[in-house]
Amino acid sequence: MNASLAAMLAVGTGVVVIAVAVAVVLLALIIALSLRGRQIRGATQRDLTRHDLDEAHERAGRAERDRDIAEEQARQPDDEP
């Protein structure tokens, strides 16, 4: 009976060790995927921010050109009789 008890304990211990190992691997996988998702979302957010910044620069350039044109037109004398 000692031999069968030892065998059952060994098998039970092996099952517990395997179950814990699987749990650790799954936990590591979940953490890695979560971090990867954050990394992708961060990259997407940086791209959107960069795009918004480019649009702001374009609007600022157009505003400067419009201002220069308005100043130039204001300096020209009116040709009204």
C-alpha atoms as a PDB file:
ATOM      1  CA  MET A   1       0.000   0.000   0.000  1.00  0.00           C
ATOM      2  CA  ASN A   2       2.937   2.292   0.556  1.00  0.00           C
ATOM      3  CA  ALA A   3       3.985   1.957  -3.073  1.00  0.00           C
ATOM      4  CA  SER A   4       0.527   2.795  -4.414  1.00  0.00           C
ATOM      5  CA  LEU A   5       0.249   5.762  -2.023  1.00  0.00           C
ATOM      6  CA  ALA A   6       3.632   7.038  -3.142  1.00  0.00           C
ATOM      7  CA  ALA A   7       2.609   6.636  -6.787  1.00  0.00           C
ATOM      8  CA  MET A   8      -0.620   8.564  -6.206  1.00  0.00           C
ATOM      9  CA  LEU A   9       1.290  11.345  -4.427  1.00  0.00           C
ATOM     10  CA  ALA A  10       3.816  11.493  -7.244  1.00  0.00           C
ATOM     11  CA  VAL A  11       1.112  11.674  -9.910  1.00  0.00           C
ATOM     12  CA  GLY A  12      -0.823  14.257  -7.899  1.00  0.00           C
ATOM     13  CA  THR A  13       2.311  16.334  -7.387  1.00  0.00           C
ATOM     14  CA  GLY A  14       3.110  16.113 -11.099  1.00  0.00           C
ATOM     15  CA  VAL A  15      -0.386  17.256 -12.010  1.00  0.00           C
ATOM     16  CA  VAL A  16      -0.158  20.196  -9.603  1.00  0.00           C
ATOM     17  CA  VAL A  17       3.255  21.190 -10.972  1.00  0.00           C
ATOM     18  CA  ILE A  18       1.981  21.026 -14.549  1.00  0.00           C
ATOM     19  CA  ALA A  19      -1.148  23.008 -13.673  1.00  0.00           C
ATOM     20  CA  VAL A  20       0.912  25.713 -11.958  1.00  0.00           C
ATOM     21  CA  ALA A  21       3.309  25.864 -14.919  1.00  0.00           C
ATOM     22  CA  VAL A  22       0.409  26.255 -17.354  1.00  0.00           C
ATOM     23  CA  ALA A  23      -1.094  28.986 -15.174  1.00  0.00           C
ATOM     24  CA  VAL A  24       2.223  30.871 -15.074  1.00  0.00           C
ATOM     25  CA  VAL A  25       2.631  30.631 -18.853  1.00  0.00           C
ATOM     26  CA  LEU A  26      -0.932  31.831 -19.444  1.00  0.00           C
ATOM     27  CA  LEU A  27      -0.440  34.722 -17.039  1.00  0.00           C
ATOM     28  CA  ALA A  28       2.792  35.733 -18.783  1.00  0.00           C
ATOM     29  CA  LEU A  29       1.045  35.537 -22.159  1.00  0.00           C
ATOM     30  CA  ILE A  30      -1.843  37.711 -20.978  1.00  0.00           C
ATOM     31  CA  ILE A  31       0.560  40.306 -19.576  1.00  0.00           C
ATOM     32  CA  ALA A  32       2.637  40.333 -22.767  1.00  0.00           C
ATOM     33  CA  LEU A  33      -0.437  40.781 -24.964  1.00  0.00           C
ATOM     34  CA  SER A  34      -1.735  43.532 -22.703  1.00  0.00           C
ATOM     35  CA  LEU A  35       1.550  45.422 -22.917  1.00  0.00           C
ATOM     36  CA  ARG A  36       1.629  44.948 -26.687  1.00  0.00           C
ATOM     37  CA  GLY A  37      -1.890  46.357 -26.931  1.00  0.00           C
ATOM     38  CA  ARG A  38      -0.871  49.418 -24.953  1.00  0.00           C
ATOM     39  CA  GLN A  39       2.144  49.844 -27.190  1.00  0.00           C
ATOM     40  CA  ILE A  40      -0.018  49.721 -30.313  1.00  0.00           C
ATOM     41  CA  ARG A  41      -2.580  52.141 -28.850  1.00  0.00           C
ATOM     42  CA  GLY A  42       0.243  54.492 -27.874  1.00  0.00           C
ATOM     43  CA  ALA A  43       1.683  54.397 -31.387  1.00  0.00           C
ATOM     44  CA  THR A  44      -1.745  55.109 -32.851  1.00  0.00           C
ATOM     45  CA  GLN A  45      -2.199  58.044 -30.490  1.00  0.00           C
ATOM     46  CA  ARG A  46       1.224  59.429 -31.439  1.00  0.00           C
ATOM     47  CA  ASP A  47       0.321  59.179 -35.133  1.00  0.00           C
ATOM     48  CA  LEU A  48      -2.942  61.054 -34.540  1.00  0.00           C
ATOM     49  CA  THR A  49      -1.127  63.723 -32.544  1.00  0.00           C
ATOM     50  CA  ARG A  50       1.505  64.085 -35.267  1.00  0.00           C
ATOM     51  CA  HIS A  51      -1.246  64.427 -37.881  1.00  0.00           C
ATOM     52  CA  ASP A  52      -3.020  67.080 -35.796  1.00  0.00           C
ATOM     53  CA  LEU A  53       0.263  68.964 -35.390  1.00  0.00           C
ATOM     54  CA  ASP A  54       0.873  68.899 -39.152  1.00  0.00           C
ATOM     55  CA  GLU A  55      -2.627  70.268 -39.761  1.00  0.00           C
ATOM     56  CA  ALA A  56      -2.032  73.021 -37.198  1.00  0.00           C
ATOM     57  CA  HIS A  57       1.203  74.007 -38.972  1.00  0.00           C
ATOM     58  CA  GLU A  58      -0.642  74.142 -42.293  1.00  0.00           C
ATOM     59  CA  ARG A  59      -3.383  76.329 -40.812  1.00  0.00           C
ATOM     60  CA  ALA A  60      -0.771  78.632 -39.271  1.00  0.00           C
ATOM     61  CA  GLY A  61       0.972  78.958 -42.632  1.00  0.00           C
ATOM     62  CA  ARG A  62      -2.297  79.799 -44.381  1.00  0.00           C
ATOM     63  CA  ALA A  63      -3.127  82.347 -41.672  1.00  0.00           C
ATOM     64  CA  GLU A  64       0.264  84.037 -42.117  1.00  0.00           C
ATOM     65  CA  ARG A  65      -0.202  84.208 -45.884  1.00  0.00           C
ATOM     66  CA  ASP A  66      -3.709  85.611 -45.468  1.00  0.00           C
ATOM     67  CA  ARG A  67      -2.408  88.198 -42.997  1.00  0.00           C
ATOM     68  CA  ASP A  68       0.395  89.226 -45.363  1.00  0.00           C
ATOM     69  CA  ILE A  69      -2.067  89.603 -48.227  1.00  0.00           C
ATOM     70  CA  ALA A  70      -4.413  91.670 -46.065  1.00  0.00           C
ATOM     71  CA  GLU A  71      -1.571  93.943 -44.930  1.00  0.00           C
ATOM     72  CA  GLU A  72      -0.425  94.393 -48.504  1.00  0.00           C
ATOM     73  CA  GLN A  73      -3.941  95.250 -49.651  1.00  0.00           C
ATOM     74  CA  ALA A  74      -4.336  97.694 -46.755  1.00  0.00           C
ATOM     75  CA  ARG A  75      -1.141  99.532 -47.774  1.00  0.00           C
ATOM     76  CA  GLN A  76      -2.212  99.959 -51.403  1.00  0.00           C
ATOM     77  CA  PRO A  77      -4.064 103.188 -52.099  1.00  0.00           C
ATOM     78  CA  ASP A  78      -7.628 102.848 -53.257  1.00  0.00           C
ATOM     79  CA  ASP A  79      -8.097 103.696 -56.942  1.00  0.00           C
ATOM     80  CA  GLU A  80     -11.525 105.239 -56.418  1.00  0.00           C
ATOM     81  CA  PRO A  81     -12.126 108.641 -58.107  1.00  0.00           C
END
